Amino acid sequence: MTEIEECFAKGMLKKTKSDMGKAMLSLKVSGENLEDARSQLENGLFKWAFIAAYTSMFHAARALLYRDGVKERSHFCLCAYVKERYRGTIEARYISELNILREQRHRIMYGDENIKTKEVEEVEAESAVAIAAGFLEAVEKIIKK
């Protein structure tokens, strides 16, 4: 069973009808989060820039699911869906980074098994913002076809 088959079986992904209105709104929210990430980066708030960059990617990915008629209930399953469904359509590095940023964001916000949260360096925040911008651009091309 593939990851997304498991996600559907567990109810973490559900089929629904395609909703381009929600897809477009999710792209708008993604763009707003990207702008927030850039602002946080300029102000030296690297942790928050990183979180906003991931949030931008999450909403861009969510736009794809709305377009496809899929509802997500899990960040992991959202990433798994994009990885399986859009492999070859979206550059592999963006799909890989979506999941990496998801994992890092979780550690930043909630810590790890030792309750140690991850600190974010400037270079990591800059990279996350650049990746989020590229991912949003790739998703916009798909949605706006």
Foldseek 3Di string as FASTA:
>chain_A
DAPLVVCVVVVQKDAADADLVLLVVLLVQLVVLLVVLVVCLVVVVLLSSLLSLLSSLQSLLVSVCSRVRMDGNDQVSSLSCCCVVCVVQADPVLSVVNVVSVVLNCQQVQNDPVSHRDDGDSVNSVVSSVSSVSSSVSSCVVSVD
